[in-house]
Amino acid sequence: MTSEEMEKTMQFILEQQAQFAVNLDRLRENVDELSKAQRQTEINIARIADGQVRMSEVVASLADAQQNTNTKLAELAEAQAHTDRKLAETDDRLNTLINVVERYISEGRNGRPQS
């Protein structure tokens, strides 16, 4: 190999080495960016997981409150049914009283004893 060929070969190797170094720097930058993005993704996932835990707690609390509401509503319905029964009894007794008074008046007594 001549001196000129040796010089060209060395120049080629140096250019390749320089290109390799540039490419390696780019790869390092990309890896650094990916590492930062990965860390941010992990932070975001942790936040989402925390939010999910809090949301589960809220849903459980709402379910308990709904159960309490259902219980109170059932109690209220039972009290309403009891009131309805009492009102029906009162209506029956009031109707009976009205009938007695109407009969008493229609017989012409108007509060006087029958002679």
PDB file of N, CA and C in Angstrom:
ATOM      1  N   MET A   1       0.849  -1.150   0.000  1.00  0.00           N
ATOM      2  CA  MET A   1       0.000   0.000   0.000  1.00  0.00           C
ATOM      3  C   MET A   1       0.908   1.230   0.000  1.00  0.00           C
ATOM      4  N   THR A   2       0.529   2.151  -0.858  1.00  0.00           N
ATOM      5  CA  THR A   2       1.351   3.352  -0.992  1.00  0.00           C
ATOM      6  C   THR A   2       1.009   4.325   0.121  1.00  0.00           C
ATOM      7  N   SER A   3       1.820   5.287   0.264  1.00  0.00           N
ATOM      8  CA  SER A   3       1.634   6.304   1.290  1.00  0.00           C
ATOM      9  C   SER A   3       0.346   7.078   1.050  1.00  0.00           C
ATOM     10  N   GLU A   4       0.049   7.352  -0.198  1.00  0.00           N
ATOM     11  CA  GLU A   4      -1.183   8.071  -0.547  1.00  0.00           C
ATOM     12  C   GLU A   4      -2.409   7.222  -0.219  1.00  0.00           C
ATOM     13  N   GLU A   5      -2.382   5.947  -0.531  1.00  0.00           N
ATOM     14  CA  GLU A   5      -3.493   5.058  -0.215  1.00  0.00           C
ATOM     15  C   GLU A   5      -3.668   4.939   1.303  1.00  0.00           C
ATOM     16  N   MET A   6      -2.556   4.875   2.006  1.00  0.00           N
ATOM     17  CA  MET A   6      -2.593   4.792   3.456  1.00  0.00           C
ATOM     18  C   MET A   6      -3.221   6.062   4.023  1.00  0.00           C
ATOM     19  N   GLU A   7      -2.853   7.209   3.453  1.00  0.00           N
ATOM     20  CA  GLU A   7      -3.401   8.493   3.886  1.00  0.00           C
ATOM     21  C   GLU A   7      -4.906   8.540   3.641  1.00  0.00           C
ATOM     22  N   LYS A   8      -5.366   8.087   2.488  1.00  0.00           N
ATOM     23  CA  LYS A   8      -6.791   8.059   2.164  1.00  0.00           C
ATOM     24  C   LYS A   8      -7.544   7.131   3.112  1.00  0.00           C
ATOM     25  N   THR A   9      -6.973   5.989   3.389  1.00  0.00           N
ATOM     26  CA  THR A   9      -7.605   5.029   4.283  1.00  0.00           C
ATOM     27  C   THR A   9      -7.730   5.610   5.688  1.00  0.00           C
ATOM     28  N   MET A  10      -6.692   6.251   6.142  1.00  0.00           N
ATOM     29  CA  MET A  10      -6.714   6.863   7.469  1.00  0.00           C
ATOM     30  C   MET A  10      -7.739   7.998   7.507  1.00  0.00           C
ATOM     31  N   GLN A  11      -7.797   8.768   6.433  1.00  0.00           N
ATOM     32  CA  GLN A  11      -8.784   9.856   6.358  1.00  0.00           C
ATOM     33  C   GLN A  11     -10.206   9.278   6.399  1.00  0.00           C
ATOM     34  N   PHE A  12     -10.425   8.216   5.658  1.00  0.00           N
ATOM     35  CA  PHE A  12     -11.728   7.560   5.642  1.00  0.00           C
ATOM     36  C   PHE A  12     -12.098   7.064   7.047  1.00  0.00           C
ATOM     37  N   ILE A  13     -11.145   6.427   7.698  1.00  0.00           N
ATOM     38  CA  ILE A  13     -11.385   5.902   9.048  1.00  0.00           C
ATOM     39  C   ILE A  13     -11.690   7.050  10.017  1.00  0.00           C
ATOM     40  N   LEU A  14     -10.954   8.155   9.903  1.00  0.00           N
ATOM     41  CA  LEU A  14     -11.199   9.309  10.767  1.00  0.00           C
ATOM     42  C   LEU A  14     -12.584   9.913  10.516  1.00  0.00           C
ATOM     43  N   GLU A  15     -13.006   9.996   9.263  1.00  0.00           N
ATOM     44  CA  GLU A  15     -14.333  10.509   8.937  1.00  0.00           C
ATOM     45  C   GLU A  15     -15.422   9.584   9.489  1.00  0.00           C
ATOM     46  N   GLN A  16     -15.196   8.292   9.345  1.00  0.00           N
ATOM     47  CA  GLN A  16     -16.156   7.323   9.877  1.00  0.00           C
ATOM     48  C   GLN A  16     -16.224   7.408  11.398  1.00  0.00           C
ATOM     49  N   GLN A  17     -15.057   7.576  12.017  1.00  0.00           N
ATOM     50  CA  GLN A  17     -15.000   7.700  13.474  1.00  0.00           C
ATOM     51  C   GLN A  17     -15.747   8.957  13.929  1.00  0.00           C
ATOM     52  N   ALA A  18     -15.571  10.053  13.189  1.00  0.00           N
ATOM     53  CA  ALA A  18     -16.248  11.307  13.529  1.00  0.00           C
ATOM     54  C   ALA A  18     -17.761  11.142  13.360  1.00  0.00           C
ATOM     55  N   GLN A  19     -18.179  10.511  12.288  1.00  0.00           N
ATOM     56  CA  GLN A  19     -19.606  10.279  12.057  1.00  0.00           C
ATOM     57  C   GLN A  19     -20.182   9.372  13.136  1.00  0.00           C
ATOM     58  N   PHE A  20     -19.413   8.376  13.510  1.00  0.00           N
ATOM     59  CA  PHE A  20     -19.843   7.471  14.571  1.00  0.00           C
ATOM     60  C   PHE A  20     -20.007   8.232  15.886  1.00  0.00           C
ATOM     61  N   ALA A  21     -19.094   9.126  16.188  1.00  0.00           N
ATOM     62  CA  ALA A  21     -19.165   9.924  17.414  1.00  0.00           C
ATOM     63  C   ALA A  21     -20.405  10.829  17.395  1.00  0.00           C
ATOM     64  N   VAL A  22     -20.673  11.447  16.241  1.00  0.00           N
ATOM     65  CA  VAL A  22     -21.861  12.299  16.116  1.00  0.00           C
ATOM     66  C   VAL A  22     -23.117  11.462  16.325  1.00  0.00           C
ATOM     67  N   ASN A  23     -23.191  10.311  15.672  1.00  0.00           N
ATOM     68  CA  ASN A  23     -24.351   9.432  15.822  1.00  0.00           C
ATOM     69  C   ASN A  23     -24.521   8.970  17.272  1.00  0.00           C
ATOM     70  N   LEU A  24     -23.394   8.669  17.920  1.00  0.00           N
ATOM     71  CA  LEU A  24     -23.434   8.226  19.307  1.00  0.00           C
ATOM     72  C   LEU A  24     -23.958   9.356  20.212  1.00  0.00           C
ATOM     73  N   ASP A  25     -23.538  10.584  19.955  1.00  0.00           N
ATOM     74  CA  ASP A  25     -24.051  11.728  20.722  1.00  0.00           C
ATOM     75  C   ASP A  25     -25.559  11.889  20.521  1.00  0.00           C
ATOM     76  N   ARG A  26     -26.016  11.746  19.294  1.00  0.00           N
ATOM     77  CA  ARG A  26     -27.452  11.833  19.014  1.00  0.00           C
ATOM     78  C   ARG A  26     -28.218  10.747  19.767  1.00  0.00           C
ATOM     79  N   LEU A  27     -27.667   9.540  19.736  1.00  0.00           N
ATOM     80  CA  LEU A  27     -28.306   8.437  20.457  1.00  0.00           C
ATOM     81  C   LEU A  27     -28.380   8.723  21.954  1.00  0.00           C
ATOM     82  N   ARG A  28     -27.301   9.271  22.514  1.00  0.00           N
ATOM     83  CA  ARG A  28     -27.293   9.618  23.938  1.00  0.00           C
ATOM     84  C   ARG A  28     -28.376  10.655  24.236  1.00  0.00           C
ATOM     85  N   GLU A  29     -28.495  11.662  23.385  1.00  0.00           N
ATOM     86  CA  GLU A  29     -29.527  12.686  23.563  1.00  0.00           C
ATOM     87  C   GLU A  29     -30.926  12.062  23.501  1.00  0.00           C
ATOM     88  N   ASN A  30     -31.114  11.171  22.530  1.00  0.00           N
ATOM     89  CA  ASN A  30     -32.415  10.497  22.416  1.00  0.00           C
ATOM     90  C   ASN A  30     -32.722   9.642  23.644  1.00  0.00           C
ATOM     91  N   VAL A  31     -31.716   8.935  24.130  1.00  0.00           N
ATOM     92  CA  VAL A  31     -31.900   8.108  25.314  1.00  0.00           C
ATOM     93  C   VAL A  31     -32.222   8.982  26.520  1.00  0.00           C
ATOM     94  N   ASP A  32     -31.531  10.120  26.639  1.00  0.00           N
ATOM     95  CA  ASP A  32     -31.822  11.049  27.739  1.00  0.00           C
ATOM     96  C   ASP A  32     -33.263  11.560  27.644  1.00  0.00           C
ATOM     97  N   GLU A  33     -33.697  11.934  26.462  1.00  0.00           N
ATOM     98  CA  GLU A  33     -35.071  12.402  26.276  1.00  0.00           C
ATOM     99  C   GLU A  33     -36.080  11.306  26.605  1.00  0.00           C
ATOM    100  N   LEU A  34     -35.785  10.093  26.141  1.00  0.00           N
ATOM    101  CA  LEU A  34     -36.679   8.971  26.446  1.00  0.00           C
ATOM    102  C   LEU A  34     -36.715   8.679  27.951  1.00  0.00           C
ATOM    103  N   SER A  35     -35.573   8.805  28.603  1.00  0.00           N
ATOM    104  CA  SER A  35     -35.531   8.582  30.051  1.00  0.00           C
ATOM    105  C   SER A  35     -36.372   9.620  30.780  1.00  0.00           C
ATOM    106  N   LYS A  36     -36.262  10.889  30.359  1.00  0.00           N
ATOM    107  CA  LYS A  36     -37.077  11.947  30.975  1.00  0.00           C
ATOM    108  C   LYS A  36     -38.564  11.680  30.724  1.00  0.00           C
ATOM    109  N   ALA A  37     -38.895  11.315  29.498  1.00  0.00           N
ATOM    110  CA  ALA A  37     -40.294  11.028  29.169  1.00  0.00           C
ATOM    111  C   ALA A  37     -40.797   9.837  29.983  1.00  0.00           C
ATOM    112  N   GLN A  38     -39.953   8.835  30.155  1.00  0.00           N
ATOM    113  CA  GLN A  38     -40.332   7.661  30.944  1.00  0.00           C
ATOM    114  C   GLN A  38     -40.579   8.044  32.396  1.00  0.00           C
ATOM    115  N   ARG A  39     -39.714   8.878  32.964  1.00  0.00           N
ATOM    116  CA  ARG A  39     -39.914   9.325  34.346  1.00  0.00           C
ATOM    117  C   ARG A  39     -41.218  10.100  34.478  1.00  0.00           C
ATOM    118  N   GLN A  40     -41.501  10.975  33.506  1.00  0.00           N
ATOM    119  CA  GLN A  40     -42.737  11.747  33.550  1.00  0.00           C
ATOM    120  C   GLN A  40     -43.947  10.828  33.417  1.00  0.00           C
ATOM    121  N   THR A  41     -43.839   9.824  32.563  1.00  0.00           N
ATOM    122  CA  THR A  41     -44.928   8.850  32.408  1.00  0.00           C
ATOM    123  C   THR A  41     -45.161   8.102  33.715  1.00  0.00           C
ATOM    124  N   GLU A  42     -44.098   7.718  34.386  1.00  0.00           N
ATOM    125  CA  GLU A  42     -44.236   7.024  35.666  1.00  0.00           C
ATOM    126  C   GLU A  42     -44.907   7.922  36.700  1.00  0.00           C
ATOM    127  N   ILE A  43     -44.544   9.199  36.714  1.00  0.00           N
ATOM    128  CA  ILE A  43     -45.174  10.158  37.631  1.00  0.00           C
ATOM    129  C   ILE A  43     -46.667  10.268  37.319  1.00  0.00           C
ATOM    130  N   ASN A  44     -46.975  10.390  36.034  1.00  0.00           N
ATOM    131  CA  ASN A  44     -48.382  10.509  35.631  1.00  0.00           C
ATOM    132  C   ASN A  44     -49.171   9.256  35.996  1.00  0.00           C
ATOM    133  N   ILE A  45     -48.594   8.103  35.795  1.00  0.00           N
ATOM    134  CA  ILE A  45     -49.277   6.855  36.134  1.00  0.00           C
ATOM    135  C   ILE A  45     -49.503   6.774  37.643  1.00  0.00           C
ATOM    136  N   ALA A  46     -48.511   7.211  38.420  1.00  0.00           N
ATOM    137  CA  ALA A  46     -48.678   7.212  39.885  1.00  0.00           C
ATOM    138  C   ALA A  46     -49.811   8.158  40.280  1.00  0.00           C
ATOM    139  N   ARG A  47     -49.892   9.321  39.634  1.00  0.00           N
ATOM    140  CA  ARG A  47     -50.975  10.263  39.925  1.00  0.00           C
ATOM    141  C   ARG A  47     -52.332   9.649  39.557  1.00  0.00           C
ATOM    142  N   ILE A  48     -52.382   8.999  38.416  1.00  0.00           N
ATOM    143  CA  ILE A  48     -53.631   8.359  37.987  1.00  0.00           C
ATOM    144  C   ILE A  48     -54.026   7.266  38.982  1.00  0.00           C
ATOM    145  N   ALA A  49     -53.049   6.488  39.435  1.00  0.00           N
ATOM    146  CA  ALA A  49     -53.330   5.428  40.404  1.00  0.00           C
ATOM    147  C   ALA A  49     -53.847   6.025  41.703  1.00  0.00           C
ATOM    148  N   ASP A  50     -53.231   7.116  42.164  1.00  0.00           N
ATOM    149  CA  ASP A  50     -53.718   7.781  43.375  1.00  0.00           C
ATOM    150  C   ASP A  50     -55.138   8.298  43.174  1.00  0.00           C
ATOM    151  N   GLY A  51     -55.383   8.880  42.021  1.00  0.00           N
ATOM    152  CA  GLY A  51     -56.728   9.370  41.714  1.00  0.00           C
ATOM    153  C   GLY A  51     -57.730   8.238  41.695  1.00  0.00           C
ATOM    154  N   GLN A  52     -57.332   7.104  41.169  1.00  0.00           N
ATOM    155  CA  GLN A  52     -58.227   5.951  41.120  1.00  0.00           C
ATOM    156  C   GLN A  52     -58.544   5.458  42.531  1.00  0.00           C
ATOM    157  N   VAL A  53     -57.539   5.460  43.397  1.00  0.00           N
ATOM    158  CA  VAL A  53     -57.771   5.048  44.788  1.00  0.00           C
ATOM    159  C   VAL A  53     -58.758   6.001  45.449  1.00  0.00           C
ATOM    160  N   ARG A  54     -58.529   7.310  45.263  1.00  0.00           N
ATOM    161  CA  ARG A  54     -59.451   8.298  45.851  1.00  0.00           C
ATOM    162  C   ARG A  54     -60.849   8.141  45.269  1.00  0.00           C
ATOM    163  N   MET A  55     -60.931   7.904  43.969  1.00  0.00           N
ATOM    164  CA  MET A  55     -62.229   7.731  43.328  1.00  0.00           C
ATOM    165  C   MET A  55     -62.938   6.494  43.877  1.00  0.00           C
ATOM    166  N   SER A  56     -62.196   5.438  44.104  1.00  0.00           N
ATOM    167  CA  SER A  56     -62.788   4.230  44.683  1.00  0.00           C
ATOM    168  C   SER A  56     -63.327   4.506  46.080  1.00  0.00           C
ATOM    169  N   GLU A  57     -62.589   5.313  46.853  1.00  0.00           N
ATOM    170  CA  GLU A  57     -63.054   5.669  48.189  1.00  0.00           C
ATOM    171  C   GLU A  57     -64.333   6.496  48.111  1.00  0.00           C
ATOM    172  N   VAL A  58     -64.383   7.422  47.168  1.00  0.00           N
ATOM    173  CA  VAL A  58     -65.575   8.260  47.004  1.00  0.00           C
ATOM    174  C   VAL A  58     -66.768   7.396  46.589  1.00  0.00           C
ATOM    175  N   VAL A  59     -66.550   6.485  45.669  1.00  0.00           N
ATOM    176  CA  VAL A  59     -67.634   5.608  45.212  1.00  0.00           C
ATOM    177  C   VAL A  59     -68.126   4.740  46.374  1.00  0.00           C
ATOM    178  N   ALA A  60     -67.201   4.238  47.174  1.00  0.00           N
ATOM    179  CA  ALA A  60     -67.606   3.431  48.332  1.00  0.00           C
ATOM    180  C   ALA A  60     -68.423   4.275  49.308  1.00  0.00           C
ATOM    181  N   SER A  61     -67.987   5.507  49.523  1.00  0.00           N
ATOM    182  CA  SER A  61     -68.722   6.413  50.404  1.00  0.00           C
ATOM    183  C   SER A  61     -70.117   6.697  49.845  1.00  0.00           C
ATOM    184  N   LEU A  62     -70.198   6.916  48.551  1.00  0.00           N
ATOM    185  CA  LEU A  62     -71.497   7.147  47.920  1.00  0.00           C
ATOM    186  C   LEU A  62     -72.394   5.916  48.025  1.00  0.00           C
ATOM    187  N   ALA A  63     -71.804   4.747  47.879  1.00  0.00           N
ATOM    188  CA  ALA A  63     -72.588   3.514  48.009  1.00  0.00           C
ATOM    189  C   ALA A  63     -73.139   3.387  49.431  1.00  0.00           C
ATOM    190  N   ASP A  64     -72.324   3.722  50.421  1.00  0.00           N
ATOM    191  CA  ASP A  64     -72.804   3.687  51.814  1.00  0.00           C
ATOM    192  C   ASP A  64     -73.929   4.693  52.011  1.00  0.00           C
ATOM    193  N   ALA A  65     -73.736   5.892  51.482  1.00  0.00           N
ATOM    194  CA  ALA A  65     -74.772   6.921  51.614  1.00  0.00           C
ATOM    195  C   ALA A  65     -76.056   6.489  50.917  1.00  0.00           C
ATOM    196  N   GLN A  66     -75.919   5.852  49.767  1.00  0.00           N
ATOM    197  CA  GLN A  66     -77.102   5.376  49.038  1.00  0.00           C
ATOM    198  C   GLN A  66     -77.821   4.304  49.840  1.00  0.00           C
ATOM    199  N   GLN A  67     -77.061   3.419  50.465  1.00  0.00           N
ATOM    200  CA  GLN A  67     -77.668   2.372  51.291  1.00  0.00           C
ATOM    201  C   GLN A  67     -78.419   3.001  52.457  1.00  0.00           C
ATOM    202  N   ASN A  68     -77.814   4.021  53.070  1.00  0.00           N
ATOM    203  CA  ASN A  68     -78.470   4.728  54.164  1.00  0.00           C
ATOM    204  C   ASN A  68     -79.754   5.400  53.676  1.00  0.00           C
ATOM    205  N   THR A  69     -79.680   6.016  52.498  1.00  0.00           N
ATOM    206  CA  THR A  69     -80.862   6.649  51.912  1.00  0.00           C
ATOM    207  C   THR A  69     -81.946   5.612  51.648  1.00  0.00           C
ATOM    208  N   ASN A  70     -81.573   4.469  51.127  1.00  0.00           N
ATOM    209  CA  ASN A  70     -82.546   3.396  50.868  1.00  0.00           C
ATOM    210  C   ASN A  70     -83.218   2.950  52.165  1.00  0.00           C
ATOM    211  N   THR A  71     -82.429   2.813  53.231  1.00  0.00           N
ATOM    212  CA  THR A  71     -82.979   2.411  54.519  1.00  0.00           C
ATOM    213  C   THR A  71     -83.965   3.457  55.027  1.00  0.00           C
ATOM    214  N   LYS A  72     -83.556   4.725  54.974  1.00  0.00           N
ATOM    215  CA  LYS A  72     -84.434   5.804  55.442  1.00  0.00           C
ATOM    216  C   LYS A  72     -85.694   5.895  54.584  1.00  0.00           C
ATOM    217  N   LEU A  73     -85.555   5.683  53.290  1.00  0.00           N
ATOM    218  CA  LEU A  73     -86.710   5.726  52.400  1.00  0.00           C
ATOM    219  C   LEU A  73     -87.686   4.592  52.721  1.00  0.00           C
ATOM    220  N   ALA A  74     -87.160   3.421  53.019  1.00  0.00           N
ATOM    221  CA  ALA A  74     -88.021   2.292  53.400  1.00  0.00           C
ATOM    222  C   ALA A  74     -88.750   2.599  54.707  1.00  0.00           C
ATOM    223  N   GLU A  75     -88.023   3.214  55.659  1.00  0.00           N
ATOM    224  CA  GLU A  75     -88.659   3.590  56.923  1.00  0.00           C
ATOM    225  C   GLU A  75     -89.749   4.628  56.678  1.00  0.00           C
ATOM    226  N   LEU A  76     -89.468   5.582  55.814  1.00  0.00           N
ATOM    227  CA  LEU A  76     -90.450   6.617  55.494  1.00  0.00           C
ATOM    228  C   LEU A  76     -91.675   6.016  54.809  1.00  0.00           C
ATOM    229  N   ALA A  77     -91.458   5.076  53.914  1.00  0.00           N
ATOM    230  CA  ALA A  77     -92.572   4.418  53.229  1.00  0.00           C
ATOM    231  C   ALA A  77     -93.437   3.658  54.237  1.00  0.00           C
ATOM    232  N   GLU A  78     -92.799   3.000  55.186  1.00  0.00           N
ATOM    233  CA  GLU A  78     -93.549   2.279  56.216  1.00  0.00           C
ATOM    234  C   GLU A  78     -94.341   3.251  57.083  1.00  0.00           C
ATOM    235  N   ALA A  79     -93.728   4.374  57.446  1.00  0.00           N
ATOM    236  CA  ALA A  79     -94.436   5.381  58.246  1.00  0.00           C
ATOM    237  C   ALA A  79     -95.605   5.953  57.452  1.00  0.00           C
ATOM    238  N   GLN A  80     -95.407   6.163  56.163  1.00  0.00           N
ATOM    239  CA  GLN A  80     -96.480   6.677  55.310  1.00  0.00           C
ATOM    240  C   GLN A  80     -97.622   5.668  55.226  1.00  0.00           C
ATOM    241  N   ALA A  81     -97.297   4.406  55.107  1.00  0.00           N
ATOM    242  CA  ALA A  81     -98.333   3.367  55.063  1.00  0.00           C
ATOM    243  C   ALA A  81     -99.111   3.350  56.380  1.00  0.00           C
ATOM    244  N   HIS A  82     -98.394   3.496  57.484  1.00  0.00           N
ATOM    245  CA  HIS A  82     -99.054   3.543  58.793  1.00  0.00           C
ATOM    246  C   HIS A  82     -99.984   4.755  58.875  1.00  0.00           C
ATOM    247  N   THR A  83     -99.507   5.893  58.411  1.00  0.00           N
ATOM    248  CA  THR A  83    -100.333   7.112  58.399  1.00  0.00           C
ATOM    249  C   THR A  83    -101.558   6.917  57.521  1.00  0.00           C
ATOM    250  N   ASP A  84    -101.359   6.309  56.366  1.00  0.00           N
ATOM    251  CA  ASP A  84    -102.494   6.047  55.464  1.00  0.00           C
ATOM    252  C   ASP A  84    -103.540   5.164  56.139  1.00  0.00           C
ATOM    253  N   ARG A  85    -103.072   4.132  56.865  1.00  0.00           N
ATOM    254  CA  ARG A  85    -104.014   3.251  57.567  1.00  0.00           C
ATOM    255  C   ARG A  85    -104.772   4.027  58.642  1.00  0.00           C
ATOM    256  N   LYS A  86    -104.057   4.856  59.388  1.00  0.00           N
ATOM    257  CA  LYS A  86    -104.702   5.654  60.437  1.00  0.00           C
ATOM    258  C   LYS A  86    -105.688   6.646  59.828  1.00  0.00           C
ATOM    259  N   LEU A  87    -105.337   7.268  58.707  1.00  0.00           N
ATOM    260  CA  LEU A  87    -106.250   8.195  58.047  1.00  0.00           C
ATOM    261  C   LEU A  87    -107.502   7.484  57.564  1.00  0.00           C
ATOM    262  N   ALA A  88    -107.331   6.283  57.042  1.00  0.00           N
ATOM    263  CA  ALA A  88    -108.483   5.508  56.581  1.00  0.00           C
ATOM    264  C   ALA A  88    -109.406   5.194  57.757  1.00  0.00           C
ATOM    265  N   GLU A  89    -108.826   4.818  58.892  1.00  0.00           N
ATOM    266  CA  GLU A  89    -109.640   4.547  60.080  1.00  0.00           C
ATOM    267  C   GLU A  89    -110.362   5.816  60.532  1.00  0.00           C
ATOM    268  N   THR A  90    -109.642   6.939  60.533  1.00  0.00           N
ATOM    269  CA  THR A  90    -110.240   8.214  60.934  1.00  0.00           C
ATOM    270  C   THR A  90    -111.343   8.607  59.978  1.00  0.00           C
ATOM    271  N   ASP A  91    -111.118   8.415  58.674  1.00  0.00           N
ATOM    272  CA  ASP A  91    -112.164   8.706  57.687  1.00  0.00           C
ATOM    273  C   ASP A  91    -113.406   7.867  57.939  1.00  0.00           C
ATOM    274  N   ASP A  92    -113.215   6.584  58.231  1.00  0.00           N
ATOM    275  CA  ASP A  92    -114.355   5.704  58.505  1.00  0.00           C
ATOM    276  C   ASP A  92    -115.121   6.192  59.732  1.00  0.00           C
ATOM    277  N   ARG A  93    -114.411   6.560  60.782  1.00  0.00           N
ATOM    278  CA  ARG A  93    -115.064   7.026  62.002  1.00  0.00           C
ATOM    279  C   ARG A  93    -115.752   8.366  61.775  1.00  0.00           C
ATOM    280  N   LEU A  94    -115.110   9.240  61.001  1.00  0.00           N
ATOM    281  CA  LEU A  94    -115.715  10.531  60.695  1.00  0.00           C
ATOM    282  C   LEU A  94    -116.973  10.350  59.853  1.00  0.00           C
ATOM    283  N   ASN A  95    -116.918   9.452  58.883  1.00  0.00           N
ATOM    284  CA  ASN A  95    -118.108   9.168  58.057  1.00  0.00           C
ATOM    285  C   ASN A  95    -119.245   8.619  58.919  1.00  0.00           C
ATOM    286  N   THR A  96    -118.905   7.771  59.852  1.00  0.00           N
ATOM    287  CA  THR A  96    -119.925   7.229  60.756  1.00  0.00           C
ATOM    288  C   THR A  96    -120.566   8.350  61.567  1.00  0.00           C
ATOM    289  N   LEU A  97    -119.742   9.257  62.093  1.00  0.00           N
ATOM    290  CA  LEU A  97    -120.257  10.397  62.857  1.00  0.00           C
ATOM    291  C   LEU A  97    -121.132  11.288  61.987  1.00  0.00           C
ATOM    292  N   ILE A  98    -120.682  11.552  60.769  1.00  0.00           N
ATOM    293  CA  ILE A  98    -121.470  12.380  59.840  1.00  0.00           C
ATOM    294  C   ILE A  98    -122.818  11.721  59.583  1.00  0.00           C
ATOM    295  N   ASN A  99    -122.815  10.405  59.359  1.00  0.00           N
ATOM    296  CA  ASN A  99    -124.071   9.679  59.116  1.00  0.00           C
ATOM    297  C   ASN A  99    -125.014   9.782  60.314  1.00  0.00           C
ATOM    298  N   VAL A 100    -124.475   9.659  61.520  1.00  0.00           N
ATOM    299  CA  VAL A 100    -125.306   9.757  62.723  1.00  0.00           C
ATOM    300  C   VAL A 100    -125.906  11.159  62.828  1.00  0.00           C
ATOM    301  N   VAL A 101    -125.084  12.181  62.620  1.00  0.00           N
ATOM    302  CA  VAL A 101    -125.563  13.561  62.718  1.00  0.00           C
ATOM    303  C   VAL A 101    -126.589  13.838  61.629  1.00  0.00           C
ATOM    304  N   GLU A 102    -126.326  13.407  60.416  1.00  0.00           N
ATOM    305  CA  GLU A 102    -127.286  13.628  59.318  1.00  0.00           C
ATOM    306  C   GLU A 102    -128.612  12.920  59.610  1.00  0.00           C
ATOM    307  N   ARG A 103    -128.533  11.713  60.105  1.00  0.00           N
ATOM    308  CA  ARG A 103    -129.741  10.969  60.423  1.00  0.00           C
ATOM    309  C   ARG A 103    -130.488  11.677  61.554  1.00  0.00           C
ATOM    310  N   TYR A 104    -129.781  12.137  62.521  1.00  0.00           N
ATOM    311  CA  TYR A 104    -130.380  12.823  63.653  1.00  0.00           C
ATOM    312  C   TYR A 104    -131.111  14.083  63.193  1.00  0.00           C
ATOM    313  N   ILE A 105    -130.440  14.836  62.280  1.00  0.00           N
ATOM    314  CA  ILE A 105    -131.057  16.061  61.774  1.00  0.00           C
ATOM    315  C   ILE A 105    -132.213  15.733  60.839  1.00  0.00           C
ATOM    316  N   SER A 106    -132.033  14.749  59.976  1.00  0.00           N
ATOM    317  CA  SER A 106    -133.085  14.431  58.988  1.00  0.00           C
ATOM    318  C   SER A 106    -134.325  13.856  59.660  1.00  0.00           C
ATOM    319  N   GLU A 107    -134.218  13.312  60.810  1.00  0.00           N
ATOM    320  CA  GLU A 107    -135.390  12.791  61.519  1.00  0.00           C
ATOM    321  C   GLU A 107    -136.162  13.916  62.194  1.00  0.00           C
ATOM    322  N   GLY A 108    -135.654  15.123  62.055  1.00  0.00           N
ATOM    323  CA  GLY A 108    -136.357  16.291  62.526  1.00  0.00           C
ATOM    324  C   GLY A 108    -136.214  16.565  63.990  1.00  0.00           C
ATOM    325  N   ARG A 109    -135.314  15.978  64.615  1.00  0.00           N
ATOM    326  CA  ARG A 109    -135.194  16.201  66.055  1.00  0.00           C
ATOM    327  C   ARG A 109    -134.496  17.516  66.340  1.00  0.00           C
ATOM    328  N   ASN A 110    -133.487  17.868  65.580  1.00  0.00           N
ATOM    329  CA  ASN A 110    -132.725  19.096  65.777  1.00  0.00           C
ATOM    330  C   ASN A 110    -132.288  19.252  67.227  1.00  0.00           C
ATOM    331  N   GLY A 111    -131.870  18.211  67.802  1.00  0.00           N
ATOM    332  CA  GLY A 111    -131.360  18.249  69.158  1.00  0.00           C
ATOM    333  C   GLY A 111    -132.409  18.028  70.225  1.00  0.00           C
ATOM    334  N   ARG A 112    -133.663  17.830  69.837  1.00  0.00           N
ATOM    335  CA  ARG A 112    -134.718  17.596  70.821  1.00  0.00           C
ATOM    336  C   ARG A 112    -135.004  16.094  70.913  1.00  0.00           C
ATOM    337  N   PRO A 113    -135.374  15.674  72.058  1.00  0.00           N
ATOM    338  CA  PRO A 113    -135.713  14.252  72.184  1.00  0.00           C
ATOM    339  C   PRO A 113    -136.992  13.945  71.434  1.00  0.00           C
ATOM    340  N   GLN A 114    -137.109  12.751  70.991  1.00  0.00           N
ATOM    341  CA  GLN A 114    -138.277  12.322  70.224  1.00  0.00           C
ATOM    342  C   GLN A 114    -139.452  12.144  71.173  1.00  0.00           C
ATOM    343  N   SER A 115    -140.627  12.634  70.762  1.00  0.00           N
ATOM    344  CA  SER A 115    -141.775  12.497  71.645  1.00  0.00           C
ATOM    345  C   SER A 115    -142.735  11.439  71.190  1.00  0.00           C
TER     346      SER A 115
END
